[in-house]
Amino acid sequence: MHDKLLNSLQAVADVSLVAGVADQRLGYPDKDHLRVFIPDLHLISDARQKQGHFRFVTNHEKLLTHLLGALRKLRLATKAPEKLSVLQLGDVLDLWREVPFIRPTSDTPARIANDHADLMNALRDPDLNATILFGNHDFELYHWASYDRNVRHIFIPHDNPQVMIVHGDVFDWLERLPDWIQDIAVYLFAPNVQPTTYALDKMHEATVRTTPNPTYVDYIKCRAPAPVGTVASLSDQQLPRFPFNVQQAGTPGAQVELYETAVKAMKYVQKEHNLDVRTVVIGHTHHARIVMREENQHLFTLIDCGAWIEKCVNDAGVVESSAQIGALCGNEARIYQLRPRAE
């Protein structure tokens, strides 16, 4: 399935590998079910982009639309027992940059979506059937009935959860609001438990309390381009040996933002819900990387899928626009960087 995905990606873009690992301890052994992760987009309306004098926009929107079309085509061509699932990791819309205070009765989400109609139609295409998570910048969408299918987290495999998929802002909450978070921990980490309106309101409060200045004229998460280490060109379809470009937590210079907090959260999940969660997939930081550490033969992995906004820089000093996706199948995880083909 990884090979089929890579072929589909290379049909629409130049592709590089940012990071990759194959290890049976990732906790997702299914070789027939490929999960593809689309990270943060942060769309705003054209008018607000000009009015706010923002120095950055969503990257390569046309390429992303073509990518979603290619994933739709691959999904339709996939036959049982193989399966493809697409998950968008939150912050599709950036309501915070759009308006200083959003009212549930406003047309703000529709105004943004209308200015990105091709992309939004591709993301919402029933044949793609993408699962969309709430992010902190569009969490208020829980007020709108048209977004009631958005979710806060997903645990996989369903019958024996060992991987958690979440936007990632929850780990910011755990770092900054440790006592408060216990009030709604069951809604954050319990599989198959849907949050009540009370819990959603409390989560919204947490996003506000952990983000003191949501103006973001120059950047959202990355004040400087996010370092992604060595990047391998895949123009010849030759993959480097795995593990490739994996950050080892606890070593000097490792890029480990939110890693330790994620480990603490998964230890909580194991204690309270008797689940051996080994891997967490996130967006939120806009920093594409895989972080791992082994303790007593137990491996914990953070797969941070990056973003489609802001910039990244590799070890060769090449700065480019972040346009990244993650993929997980058969205990193998990859993160790709995409770029439009030269015309």
C-alpha atoms as a PDB file:
ATOM      1  CA  MET A   1       0.000   0.000   0.000  1.00  0.00           C
ATOM      2  CA  HIS A   2       2.892   2.378   0.686  1.00  0.00           C
ATOM      3  CA  ASP A   3       4.162   1.780  -2.850  1.00  0.00           C
ATOM      4  CA  LYS A   4       0.748   2.492  -4.335  1.00  0.00           C
ATOM      5  CA  LEU A   5       0.522   5.732  -2.388  1.00  0.00           C
ATOM      6  CA  LEU A   6       3.978   6.836  -3.487  1.00  0.00           C
ATOM      7  CA  ASN A   7       3.084   6.182  -7.125  1.00  0.00           C
ATOM      8  CA  SER A   8      -0.053   8.309  -6.707  1.00  0.00           C
ATOM      9  CA  LEU A   9       1.917  11.124  -5.097  1.00  0.00           C
ATOM     10  CA  GLN A  10       4.529  11.124  -7.840  1.00  0.00           C
ATOM     11  CA  ALA A  11       1.791  11.407 -10.439  1.00  0.00           C
ATOM     12  CA  VAL A  12       0.964  14.913  -9.170  1.00  0.00           C
ATOM     13  CA  ALA A  13       4.121  16.247  -7.492  1.00  0.00           C
ATOM     14  CA  ASP A  14       7.832  15.980  -6.902  1.00  0.00           C
ATOM     15  CA  VAL A  15       8.199  13.968  -3.704  1.00  0.00           C
ATOM     16  CA  SER A  16      10.892  13.761  -1.021  1.00  0.00           C
ATOM     17  CA  LEU A  17      11.023  11.630   2.091  1.00  0.00           C
ATOM     18  CA  VAL A  18      11.305  13.659   5.297  1.00  0.00           C
ATOM     19  CA  ALA A  19      11.378  10.724   7.722  1.00  0.00           C
ATOM     20  CA  GLY A  20      10.543   7.041   7.795  1.00  0.00           C
ATOM     21  CA  VAL A  21      10.590   4.100  10.171  1.00  0.00           C
ATOM     22  CA  ALA A  22       9.565   0.450  10.062  1.00  0.00           C
ATOM     23  CA  ASP A  23       9.236  -1.252  13.448  1.00  0.00           C
ATOM     24  CA  GLN A  24       6.778  -3.877  14.664  1.00  0.00           C
ATOM     25  CA  ARG A  25       6.407  -1.931  17.907  1.00  0.00           C
ATOM     26  CA  LEU A  26       4.595   0.973  16.206  1.00  0.00           C
ATOM     27  CA  GLY A  27       1.354  -0.838  16.998  1.00  0.00           C
ATOM     28  CA  TYR A  28      -0.268  -0.819  13.553  1.00  0.00           C
ATOM     29  CA  PRO A  29       0.486  -4.177  11.880  1.00  0.00           C
ATOM     30  CA  ASP A  30      -2.323  -4.045   9.282  1.00  0.00           C
ATOM     31  CA  LYS A  31      -0.616  -4.240   5.866  1.00  0.00           C
ATOM     32  CA  ASP A  32      -3.882  -3.849   3.976  1.00  0.00           C
ATOM     33  CA  HIS A  33      -5.193  -0.614   5.517  1.00  0.00           C
ATOM     34  CA  LEU A  34      -3.232   2.526   4.674  1.00  0.00           C
ATOM     35  CA  ARG A  35      -3.901   5.680   6.680  1.00  0.00           C
ATOM     36  CA  VAL A  36      -2.901   8.980   5.057  1.00  0.00           C
ATOM     37  CA  PHE A  37      -2.657  12.100   7.233  1.00  0.00           C
ATOM     38  CA  ILE A  38      -3.121  15.654   5.899  1.00  0.00           C
ATOM     39  CA  PRO A  39      -1.883  18.215   8.464  1.00  0.00           C
ATOM     40  CA  ASP A  40      -2.802  21.864   9.144  1.00  0.00           C
ATOM     41  CA  LEU A  41      -4.047  24.108   6.300  1.00  0.00           C
ATOM     42  CA  HIS A  42      -5.125  27.337   8.095  1.00  0.00           C
ATOM     43  CA  LEU A  43      -7.360  28.678   5.331  1.00  0.00           C
ATOM     44  CA  ILE A  44      -8.722  32.220   5.588  1.00  0.00           C
ATOM     45  CA  SER A  45     -10.810  34.311   3.198  1.00  0.00           C
ATOM     46  CA  ASP A  46      -9.187  36.340   0.433  1.00  0.00           C
ATOM     47  CA  ALA A  47     -10.522  39.575   1.906  1.00  0.00           C
ATOM     48  CA  ARG A  48      -9.125  38.825   5.352  1.00  0.00           C
ATOM     49  CA  GLN A  49      -5.757  37.878   3.874  1.00  0.00           C
ATOM     50  CA  LYS A  50      -5.454  41.353   2.357  1.00  0.00           C
ATOM     51  CA  GLN A  51      -6.980  43.169   5.296  1.00  0.00           C
ATOM     52  CA  GLY A  52      -4.785  41.436   7.884  1.00  0.00           C
ATOM     53  CA  HIS A  53      -1.552  41.981   5.942  1.00  0.00           C
ATOM     54  CA  PHE A  54      -0.560  38.382   6.685  1.00  0.00           C
ATOM     55  CA  ARG A  55       2.870  37.553   5.326  1.00  0.00           C
ATOM     56  CA  PHE A  56       2.056  33.902   4.712  1.00  0.00           C
ATOM     57  CA  VAL A  57      -0.786  31.898   3.163  1.00  0.00           C
ATOM     58  CA  THR A  58      -1.748  28.264   2.796  1.00  0.00           C
ATOM     59  CA  ASN A  59       0.935  26.702   0.610  1.00  0.00           C
ATOM     60  CA  HIS A  60       0.397  25.175  -2.849  1.00  0.00           C
ATOM     61  CA  GLU A  61      -3.395  25.109  -2.708  1.00  0.00           C
ATOM     62  CA  LYS A  62      -3.730  23.848  -6.280  1.00  0.00           C
ATOM     63  CA  LEU A  63      -1.279  21.015  -5.593  1.00  0.00           C
ATOM     64  CA  LEU A  64      -3.179  20.055  -2.446  1.00  0.00           C
ATOM     65  CA  THR A  65      -6.425  19.942  -4.425  1.00  0.00           C
ATOM     66  CA  HIS A  66      -4.782  17.679  -7.021  1.00  0.00           C
ATOM     67  CA  LEU A  67      -3.362  15.526  -4.228  1.00  0.00           C
ATOM     68  CA  LEU A  68      -6.808  15.006  -2.730  1.00  0.00           C
ATOM     69  CA  GLY A  69      -8.082  14.080  -6.182  1.00  0.00           C
ATOM     70  CA  ALA A  70      -5.282  11.532  -6.547  1.00  0.00           C
ATOM     71  CA  LEU A  71      -6.119  10.042  -3.144  1.00  0.00           C
ATOM     72  CA  ARG A  72      -9.779   9.838  -4.134  1.00  0.00           C
ATOM     73  CA  LYS A  73      -8.811   8.014  -7.327  1.00  0.00           C
ATOM     74  CA  LEU A  74      -6.562   5.624  -5.400  1.00  0.00           C
ATOM     75  CA  ARG A  75      -9.280   4.963  -2.836  1.00  0.00           C
ATOM     76  CA  LEU A  76     -11.831   4.145  -5.538  1.00  0.00           C
ATOM     77  CA  ALA A  77      -9.351   1.814  -7.230  1.00  0.00           C
ATOM     78  CA  THR A  78      -8.510   0.004  -3.998  1.00  0.00           C
ATOM     79  CA  LYS A  79     -10.165  -3.396  -3.747  1.00  0.00           C
ATOM     80  CA  ALA A  80     -10.789  -5.553  -0.677  1.00  0.00           C
ATOM     81  CA  PRO A  81      -9.032  -6.600   1.438  1.00  0.00           C
ATOM     82  CA  GLU A  82      -6.997  -3.425   0.878  1.00  0.00           C
ATOM     83  CA  LYS A  83      -8.355  -0.125   2.169  1.00  0.00           C
ATOM     84  CA  LEU A  84      -7.345   3.541   2.170  1.00  0.00           C
ATOM     85  CA  SER A  85      -8.435   6.084   4.791  1.00  0.00           C
ATOM     86  CA  VAL A  86      -7.673   9.812   4.630  1.00  0.00           C
ATOM     87  CA  LEU A  87      -7.558  11.816   7.853  1.00  0.00           C
ATOM     88  CA  GLN A  88      -7.145  15.587   8.046  1.00  0.00           C
ATOM     89  CA  LEU A  89      -5.530  16.460  11.382  1.00  0.00           C
ATOM     90  CA  GLY A  90      -7.336  19.731  12.148  1.00  0.00           C
ATOM     91  CA  ASP A  91      -7.006  23.474  11.526  1.00  0.00           C
ATOM     92  CA  VAL A  92      -8.501  23.283   8.051  1.00  0.00           C
ATOM     93  CA  LEU A  93      -9.909  26.757   8.660  1.00  0.00           C
ATOM     94  CA  ASP A  94      -8.243  29.472  10.690  1.00  0.00           C
ATOM     95  CA  LEU A  95     -11.131  31.146  12.457  1.00  0.00           C
ATOM     96  CA  TRP A  96      -8.769  33.025  14.766  1.00  0.00           C
ATOM     97  CA  ARG A  97      -7.056  34.844  11.949  1.00  0.00           C
ATOM     98  CA  GLU A  98     -10.390  35.447  10.217  1.00  0.00           C
ATOM     99  CA  VAL A  99     -12.193  37.245  13.050  1.00  0.00           C
ATOM    100  CA  PRO A 100     -11.234  38.315  16.597  1.00  0.00           C
ATOM    101  CA  PHE A 101     -14.372  36.727  18.080  1.00  0.00           C
ATOM    102  CA  ILE A 102     -16.561  34.284  16.214  1.00  0.00           C
ATOM    103  CA  ARG A 103     -20.273  33.927  16.856  1.00  0.00           C
ATOM    104  CA  PRO A 104     -22.031  30.601  16.252  1.00  0.00           C
ATOM    105  CA  THR A 105     -24.603  32.366  14.069  1.00  0.00           C
ATOM    106  CA  SER A 106     -22.057  33.971  11.733  1.00  0.00           C
ATOM    107  CA  ASP A 107     -21.239  32.954   8.174  1.00  0.00           C
ATOM    108  CA  THR A 108     -17.491  32.950   8.858  1.00  0.00           C
ATOM    109  CA  PRO A 109     -16.806  29.270   8.016  1.00  0.00           C
ATOM    110  CA  ALA A 110     -18.831  29.530   4.800  1.00  0.00           C
ATOM    111  CA  ARG A 111     -17.028  32.727   3.807  1.00  0.00           C
ATOM    112  CA  ILE A 112     -13.653  31.015   4.103  1.00  0.00           C
ATOM    113  CA  ALA A 113     -14.801  27.821   2.391  1.00  0.00           C
ATOM    114  CA  ASN A 114     -16.321  29.739  -0.530  1.00  0.00           C
ATOM    115  CA  ASP A 115     -12.962  31.369  -1.294  1.00  0.00           C
ATOM    116  CA  HIS A 116     -11.346  27.915  -1.441  1.00  0.00           C
ATOM    117  CA  ALA A 117     -14.178  26.057  -3.124  1.00  0.00           C
ATOM    118  CA  ASP A 118     -12.141  23.611  -5.216  1.00  0.00           C
ATOM    119  CA  LEU A 119     -10.019  22.547  -2.272  1.00  0.00           C
ATOM    120  CA  MET A 120     -12.924  22.255   0.152  1.00  0.00           C
ATOM    121  CA  ASN A 121     -15.010  20.312  -2.365  1.00  0.00           C
ATOM    122  CA  ALA A 122     -12.115  17.898  -2.867  1.00  0.00           C
ATOM    123  CA  LEU A 123     -11.668  17.467   0.896  1.00  0.00           C
ATOM    124  CA  ARG A 124     -15.394  16.888   1.434  1.00  0.00           C
ATOM    125  CA  ASP A 125     -15.858  14.619  -1.583  1.00  0.00           C
ATOM    126  CA  PRO A 126     -17.971  11.618  -0.476  1.00  0.00           C
ATOM    127  CA  ASP A 127     -15.751   9.283  -2.509  1.00  0.00           C
ATOM    128  CA  LEU A 128     -12.733  10.441  -0.496  1.00  0.00           C
ATOM    129  CA  ASN A 129     -14.713  10.145   2.752  1.00  0.00           C
ATOM    130  CA  ALA A 130     -12.040  11.958   4.734  1.00  0.00           C
ATOM    131  CA  THR A 131     -12.232  12.109   8.513  1.00  0.00           C
ATOM    132  CA  ILE A 132     -11.558  15.649   9.764  1.00  0.00           C
ATOM    133  CA  LEU A 133     -10.373  16.439  13.268  1.00  0.00           C
ATOM    134  CA  PHE A 134     -10.952  19.624  15.210  1.00  0.00           C
ATOM    135  CA  GLY A 135      -7.867  21.807  15.586  1.00  0.00           C
ATOM    136  CA  ASN A 136      -7.408  24.629  18.043  1.00  0.00           C
ATOM    137  CA  HIS A 137      -7.789  27.297  15.324  1.00  0.00           C
ATOM    138  CA  ASP A 138     -11.123  25.900  14.128  1.00  0.00           C
ATOM    139  CA  PHE A 139     -12.390  24.264  17.299  1.00  0.00           C
ATOM    140  CA  GLU A 140     -15.381  26.612  17.381  1.00  0.00           C
ATOM    141  CA  LEU A 141     -16.792  24.680  14.428  1.00  0.00           C
ATOM    142  CA  TYR A 142     -18.447  22.352  16.931  1.00  0.00           C
ATOM    143  CA  HIS A 143     -21.209  24.990  17.062  1.00  0.00           C
ATOM    144  CA  TRP A 144     -22.069  24.372  13.378  1.00  0.00           C
ATOM    145  CA  ALA A 145     -24.208  21.378  12.424  1.00  0.00           C
ATOM    146  CA  SER A 146     -22.411  21.031   9.074  1.00  0.00           C
ATOM    147  CA  TYR A 147     -19.200  20.185  10.950  1.00  0.00           C
ATOM    148  CA  ASP A 148     -20.712  17.759  13.455  1.00  0.00           C
ATOM    149  CA  ARG A 149     -18.782  14.849  11.928  1.00  0.00           C
ATOM    150  CA  ASN A 150     -15.470  16.393  13.021  1.00  0.00           C
ATOM    151  CA  VAL A 151     -13.811  14.489  15.855  1.00  0.00           C
ATOM    152  CA  ARG A 152     -11.310  15.203  18.636  1.00  0.00           C
ATOM    153  CA  HIS A 153      -9.335  11.971  18.524  1.00  0.00           C
ATOM    154  CA  ILE A 154      -9.199   8.511  16.976  1.00  0.00           C
ATOM    155  CA  PHE A 155      -7.744   5.307  18.371  1.00  0.00           C
ATOM    156  CA  ILE A 156      -6.629   2.518  16.011  1.00  0.00           C
ATOM    157  CA  PRO A 157      -6.831  -0.418  15.468  1.00  0.00           C
ATOM    158  CA  HIS A 158     -10.392  -0.348  16.715  1.00  0.00           C
ATOM    159  CA  ASP A 159     -10.285  -3.787  18.352  1.00  0.00           C
ATOM    160  CA  ASN A 160      -6.930  -3.229  20.102  1.00  0.00           C
ATOM    161  CA  PRO A 161      -6.014   0.471  20.121  1.00  0.00           C
ATOM    162  CA  GLN A 162      -2.280   1.125  20.051  1.00  0.00           C
ATOM    163  CA  VAL A 163      -2.191   4.309  17.965  1.00  0.00           C
ATOM    164  CA  MET A 164      -3.808   7.633  18.878  1.00  0.00           C
ATOM    165  CA  ILE A 165      -4.542  10.289  16.259  1.00  0.00           C
ATOM    166  CA  VAL A 166      -5.156  13.817  17.546  1.00  0.00           C
ATOM    167  CA  HIS A 167      -4.550  17.395  16.412  1.00  0.00           C
ATOM    168  CA  GLY A 168      -1.838  17.881  19.038  1.00  0.00           C
ATOM    169  CA  ASP A 169      -2.957  21.006  20.895  1.00  0.00           C
ATOM    170  CA  VAL A 170      -4.135  18.813  23.769  1.00  0.00           C
ATOM    171  CA  PHE A 171      -0.475  18.294  24.688  1.00  0.00           C
ATOM    172  CA  ASP A 172      -0.065  22.061  24.953  1.00  0.00           C
ATOM    173  CA  TRP A 173      -2.958  22.022  27.410  1.00  0.00           C
ATOM    174  CA  LEU A 174      -1.331  19.284  29.456  1.00  0.00           C
ATOM    175  CA  GLU A 175       1.873  21.304  29.711  1.00  0.00           C
ATOM    176  CA  ARG A 176       0.222  24.565  30.724  1.00  0.00           C
ATOM    177  CA  LEU A 177      -3.001  23.508  32.495  1.00  0.00           C
ATOM    178  CA  PRO A 178      -2.097  20.250  34.272  1.00  0.00           C
ATOM    179  CA  ASP A 179      -4.663  20.438  37.090  1.00  0.00           C
ATOM    180  CA  TRP A 180      -7.519  21.716  34.985  1.00  0.00           C
ATOM    181  CA  ILE A 181      -7.144  19.059  32.316  1.00  0.00           C
ATOM    182  CA  GLN A 182      -8.207  16.249  34.630  1.00  0.00           C
ATOM    183  CA  ASP A 183     -11.712  17.693  34.605  1.00  0.00           C
ATOM    184  CA  ILE A 184     -12.294  16.474  31.033  1.00  0.00           C
ATOM    185  CA  ALA A 185      -9.544  13.867  30.634  1.00  0.00           C
ATOM    186  CA  VAL A 186     -12.084  11.149  29.917  1.00  0.00           C
ATOM    187  CA  TYR A 187     -13.242  13.032  26.823  1.00  0.00           C
ATOM    188  CA  LEU A 188      -9.687  13.595  25.652  1.00  0.00           C
ATOM    189  CA  PHE A 189      -8.322  10.089  25.987  1.00  0.00           C
ATOM    190  CA  ALA A 190     -11.080   7.510  26.412  1.00  0.00           C
ATOM    191  CA  PRO A 191     -11.756   5.557  23.184  1.00  0.00           C
ATOM    192  CA  ASN A 192     -15.299   5.717  21.840  1.00  0.00           C
ATOM    193  CA  VAL A 193     -16.380   8.437  24.275  1.00  0.00           C
ATOM    194  CA  GLN A 194     -17.876  11.474  22.572  1.00  0.00           C
ATOM    195  CA  PRO A 195     -17.546  14.816  24.378  1.00  0.00           C
ATOM    196  CA  THR A 196     -20.594  16.540  25.795  1.00  0.00           C
ATOM    197  CA  THR A 197     -21.354  20.195  25.111  1.00  0.00           C
ATOM    198  CA  TYR A 198     -19.904  20.956  28.535  1.00  0.00           C
ATOM    199  CA  ALA A 199     -16.631  19.225  27.629  1.00  0.00           C
ATOM    200  CA  LEU A 200     -16.455  20.951  24.243  1.00  0.00           C
ATOM    201  CA  ASP A 201     -16.928  24.303  25.932  1.00  0.00           C
ATOM    202  CA  LYS A 202     -14.127  23.472  28.379  1.00  0.00           C
ATOM    203  CA  MET A 203     -11.844  22.428  25.503  1.00  0.00           C
ATOM    204  CA  HIS A 204     -12.538  25.723  23.775  1.00  0.00           C
ATOM    205  CA  GLU A 205     -11.622  27.515  26.979  1.00  0.00           C
ATOM    206  CA  ALA A 206      -8.321  25.625  26.990  1.00  0.00           C
ATOM    207  CA  THR A 207      -7.444  26.734  23.464  1.00  0.00           C
ATOM    208  CA  VAL A 208      -7.978  30.356  24.454  1.00  0.00           C
ATOM    209  CA  ARG A 209      -5.998  30.071  27.683  1.00  0.00           C
ATOM    210  CA  THR A 210      -3.006  28.441  25.998  1.00  0.00           C
ATOM    211  CA  THR A 211      -2.839  30.913  23.098  1.00  0.00           C
ATOM    212  CA  PRO A 212      -2.266  34.428  24.445  1.00  0.00           C
ATOM    213  CA  ASN A 213      -1.772  36.234  21.110  1.00  0.00           C
ATOM    214  CA  PRO A 214      -3.720  34.821  18.134  1.00  0.00           C
ATOM    215  CA  THR A 215      -2.913  37.588  15.637  1.00  0.00           C
ATOM    216  CA  TYR A 216      -0.204  35.731  13.709  1.00  0.00           C
ATOM    217  CA  VAL A 217       0.833  38.358  11.185  1.00  0.00           C
ATOM    218  CA  ASP A 218       4.298  36.828  10.664  1.00  0.00           C
ATOM    219  CA  TYR A 219       3.882  33.190  11.736  1.00  0.00           C
ATOM    220  CA  ILE A 220       1.549  30.794  13.550  1.00  0.00           C
ATOM    221  CA  LYS A 221       3.736  28.092  15.093  1.00  0.00           C
ATOM    222  CA  CYS A 222       7.150  28.406  13.438  1.00  0.00           C
ATOM    223  CA  ARG A 223       8.916  31.685  14.086  1.00  0.00           C
ATOM    224  CA  ALA A 224      11.711  30.347  11.838  1.00  0.00           C
ATOM    225  CA  PRO A 225      11.508  27.600   9.197  1.00  0.00           C
ATOM    226  CA  ALA A 226      11.043  24.207  10.848  1.00  0.00           C
ATOM    227  CA  PRO A 227      14.200  22.042  10.626  1.00  0.00           C
ATOM    228  CA  VAL A 228      13.496  18.721   8.915  1.00  0.00           C
ATOM    229  CA  GLY A 229      17.019  17.303   8.739  1.00  0.00           C
ATOM    230  CA  THR A 230      18.162  15.258   5.773  1.00  0.00           C
ATOM    231  CA  VAL A 231      15.591  14.970   3.004  1.00  0.00           C
ATOM    232  CA  ALA A 232      15.786  12.135   0.486  1.00  0.00           C
ATOM    233  CA  SER A 233      14.745  12.740  -3.126  1.00  0.00           C
ATOM    234  CA  LEU A 234      12.445  10.021  -4.419  1.00  0.00           C
ATOM    235  CA  SER A 235      12.563  10.916  -8.088  1.00  0.00           C
ATOM    236  CA  ASP A 236      14.028   7.474  -8.783  1.00  0.00           C
ATOM    237  CA  GLN A 237      11.601   5.771  -6.365  1.00  0.00           C
ATOM    238  CA  GLN A 238      14.505   4.441  -4.302  1.00  0.00           C
ATOM    239  CA  LEU A 239      13.809   4.647  -0.582  1.00  0.00           C
ATOM    240  CA  PRO A 240      16.662   5.086   1.888  1.00  0.00           C
ATOM    241  CA  ARG A 241      17.222   2.468   4.520  1.00  0.00           C
ATOM    242  CA  PHE A 242      14.869   2.758   7.520  1.00  0.00           C
ATOM    243  CA  PRO A 243      14.944   4.214  10.070  1.00  0.00           C
ATOM    244  CA  PHE A 244      15.565   7.403   8.119  1.00  0.00           C
ATOM    245  CA  ASN A 245      15.944  10.861   9.684  1.00  0.00           C
ATOM    246  CA  VAL A 246      14.288   9.827  12.970  1.00  0.00           C
ATOM    247  CA  GLN A 247      14.779  12.002  16.051  1.00  0.00           C
ATOM    248  CA  GLN A 248      15.908  10.065  19.126  1.00  0.00           C
ATOM    249  CA  ALA A 249      14.423  11.645  22.246  1.00  0.00           C
ATOM    250  CA  GLY A 250      17.042  12.234  24.927  1.00  0.00           C
ATOM    251  CA  THR A 251      19.911  12.878  22.530  1.00  0.00           C
ATOM    252  CA  PRO A 252      21.489  16.329  22.049  1.00  0.00           C
ATOM    253  CA  GLY A 253      19.785  18.438  19.414  1.00  0.00           C
ATOM    254  CA  ALA A 254      16.723  16.225  19.027  1.00  0.00           C
ATOM    255  CA  GLN A 255      13.565  18.093  17.982  1.00  0.00           C
ATOM    256  CA  VAL A 256      11.234  16.797  20.699  1.00  0.00           C
ATOM    257  CA  GLU A 257       8.522  19.453  21.117  1.00  0.00           C
ATOM    258  CA  LEU A 258       5.436  17.897  22.811  1.00  0.00           C
ATOM    259  CA  TYR A 259       7.070  14.450  22.882  1.00  0.00           C
ATOM    260  CA  GLU A 260       7.476  14.120  26.654  1.00  0.00           C
ATOM    261  CA  THR A 261       3.953  15.388  27.247  1.00  0.00           C
ATOM    262  CA  ALA A 262       2.587  12.861  24.775  1.00  0.00           C
ATOM    263  CA  VAL A 263       4.450  10.096  26.613  1.00  0.00           C
ATOM    264  CA  LYS A 264       2.875  11.185  29.913  1.00  0.00           C
ATOM    265  CA  ALA A 265      -0.563  11.267  28.318  1.00  0.00           C
ATOM    266  CA  MET A 266      -0.200   7.760  26.911  1.00  0.00           C
ATOM    267  CA  LYS A 267       0.971   6.457  30.287  1.00  0.00           C
ATOM    268  CA  TYR A 268      -2.254   7.920  31.660  1.00  0.00           C
ATOM    269  CA  VAL A 269      -4.210   6.109  28.942  1.00  0.00           C
ATOM    270  CA  GLN A 270      -2.489   2.844  29.809  1.00  0.00           C
ATOM    271  CA  LYS A 271      -3.205   3.230  33.525  1.00  0.00           C
ATOM    272  CA  GLU A 272      -6.798   4.471  33.277  1.00  0.00           C
ATOM    273  CA  HIS A 273      -7.999   2.535  30.224  1.00  0.00           C
ATOM    274  CA  ASN A 274      -5.613  -0.419  30.059  1.00  0.00           C
ATOM    275  CA  LEU A 275      -4.535   0.462  26.524  1.00  0.00           C
ATOM    276  CA  ASP A 276      -0.998  -0.059  25.262  1.00  0.00           C
ATOM    277  CA  VAL A 277      -0.808   3.088  23.115  1.00  0.00           C
ATOM    278  CA  ARG A 278       2.613   3.144  21.458  1.00  0.00           C
ATOM    279  CA  THR A 279       2.302   5.762  18.734  1.00  0.00           C
ATOM    280  CA  VAL A 280       0.708   9.204  18.536  1.00  0.00           C
ATOM    281  CA  VAL A 281       0.036  10.971  15.214  1.00  0.00           C
ATOM    282  CA  ILE A 282      -0.353  14.759  15.319  1.00  0.00           C
ATOM    283  CA  GLY A 283      -0.302  18.000  13.346  1.00  0.00           C
ATOM    284  CA  HIS A 284      -0.408  21.346  15.211  1.00  0.00           C
ATOM    285  CA  THR A 285       3.328  22.126  15.507  1.00  0.00           C
ATOM    286  CA  HIS A 286       3.894  22.627  11.735  1.00  0.00           C
ATOM    287  CA  HIS A 287       7.135  20.677  12.190  1.00  0.00           C
ATOM    288  CA  ALA A 288       7.330  17.428  10.229  1.00  0.00           C
ATOM    289  CA  ARG A 289       9.328  14.803  12.139  1.00  0.00           C
ATOM    290  CA  ILE A 290       9.290  11.361  13.713  1.00  0.00           C
ATOM    291  CA  VAL A 291      10.494  11.186  17.328  1.00  0.00           C
ATOM    292  CA  MET A 292      11.202   7.902  19.119  1.00  0.00           C
ATOM    293  CA  ARG A 293      12.628   6.579  22.366  1.00  0.00           C
ATOM    294  CA  GLU A 294      12.953   3.070  23.758  1.00  0.00           C
ATOM    295  CA  GLU A 295      12.509   2.379  27.467  1.00  0.00           C
ATOM    296  CA  ASN A 296      12.797  -1.163  28.794  1.00  0.00           C
ATOM    297  CA  GLN A 297      12.210  -2.552  25.283  1.00  0.00           C
ATOM    298  CA  HIS A 298       9.043  -0.441  24.997  1.00  0.00           C
ATOM    299  CA  LEU A 299       9.106   1.981  22.060  1.00  0.00           C
ATOM    300  CA  PHE A 300       7.090   5.187  22.022  1.00  0.00           C
ATOM    301  CA  THR A 301       6.798   7.139  18.760  1.00  0.00           C
ATOM    302  CA  LEU A 302       5.479  10.606  17.893  1.00  0.00           C
ATOM    303  CA  ILE A 303       4.634  11.083  14.207  1.00  0.00           C
ATOM    304  CA  ASP A 304       4.286  14.817  13.569  1.00  0.00           C
ATOM    305  CA  CYS A 305       2.993  15.251  10.027  1.00  0.00           C
ATOM    306  CA  GLY A 306       3.941  18.907   9.522  1.00  0.00           C
ATOM    307  CA  ALA A 307       1.712  21.407   7.714  1.00  0.00           C
ATOM    308  CA  TRP A 308       0.674  23.112   4.459  1.00  0.00           C
ATOM    309  CA  ILE A 309       1.565  26.538   5.807  1.00  0.00           C
ATOM    310  CA  GLU A 310       4.799  28.279   6.842  1.00  0.00           C
ATOM    311  CA  LYS A 311       8.233  26.983   5.803  1.00  0.00           C
ATOM    312  CA  CYS A 312      10.755  24.251   6.508  1.00  0.00           C
ATOM    313  CA  VAL A 313      14.527  23.965   6.042  1.00  0.00           C
ATOM    314  CA  ASN A 314      16.679  20.872   5.504  1.00  0.00           C
ATOM    315  CA  ASP A 315      20.243  20.200   6.559  1.00  0.00           C
ATOM    316  CA  ALA A 316      21.519  21.491   3.215  1.00  0.00           C
ATOM    317  CA  GLY A 317      20.055  24.900   4.111  1.00  0.00           C
ATOM    318  CA  VAL A 318      17.314  24.716   1.480  1.00  0.00           C
ATOM    319  CA  VAL A 319      14.199  26.594   2.620  1.00  0.00           C
ATOM    320  CA  GLU A 320      10.886  25.734   1.003  1.00  0.00           C
ATOM    321  CA  SER A 321       7.168  25.906   1.677  1.00  0.00           C
ATOM    322  CA  SER A 322       5.894  23.136   3.923  1.00  0.00           C
ATOM    323  CA  ALA A 323       3.622  20.757   2.007  1.00  0.00           C
ATOM    324  CA  GLN A 324       3.691  17.502   3.924  1.00  0.00           C
ATOM    325  CA  ILE A 325       1.675  14.357   4.512  1.00  0.00           C
ATOM    326  CA  GLY A 326       2.070  11.335   6.751  1.00  0.00           C
ATOM    327  CA  ALA A 327       1.345   7.690   5.983  1.00  0.00           C
ATOM    328  CA  LEU A 328       0.994   4.647   8.234  1.00  0.00           C
ATOM    329  CA  CYS A 329       0.557   1.022   7.193  1.00  0.00           C
ATOM    330  CA  GLY A 330       2.004  -2.341   8.209  1.00  0.00           C
ATOM    331  CA  ASN A 331       4.040  -0.959  11.129  1.00  0.00           C
ATOM    332  CA  GLU A 332       5.735   1.448   8.741  1.00  0.00           C
ATOM    333  CA  ALA A 333       5.419   5.236   8.980  1.00  0.00           C
ATOM    334  CA  ARG A 334       6.550   7.812   6.461  1.00  0.00           C
ATOM    335  CA  ILE A 335       6.389  11.595   6.116  1.00  0.00           C
ATOM    336  CA  TYR A 336       6.673  13.115   2.653  1.00  0.00           C
ATOM    337  CA  GLN A 337       7.410  16.636   1.442  1.00  0.00           C
ATOM    338  CA  LEU A 338       5.632  17.556  -1.818  1.00  0.00           C
ATOM    339  CA  ARG A 339       6.326  20.358  -4.239  1.00  0.00           C
ATOM    340  CA  PRO A 340       4.706  21.408  -7.526  1.00  0.00           C
ATOM    341  CA  ARG A 341       6.399  20.202 -10.660  1.00  0.00           C
ATOM    342  CA  ALA A 342       8.194  22.873 -12.653  1.00  0.00           C
ATOM    343  CA  GLU A 343       6.082  23.892 -15.629  1.00  0.00           C
END
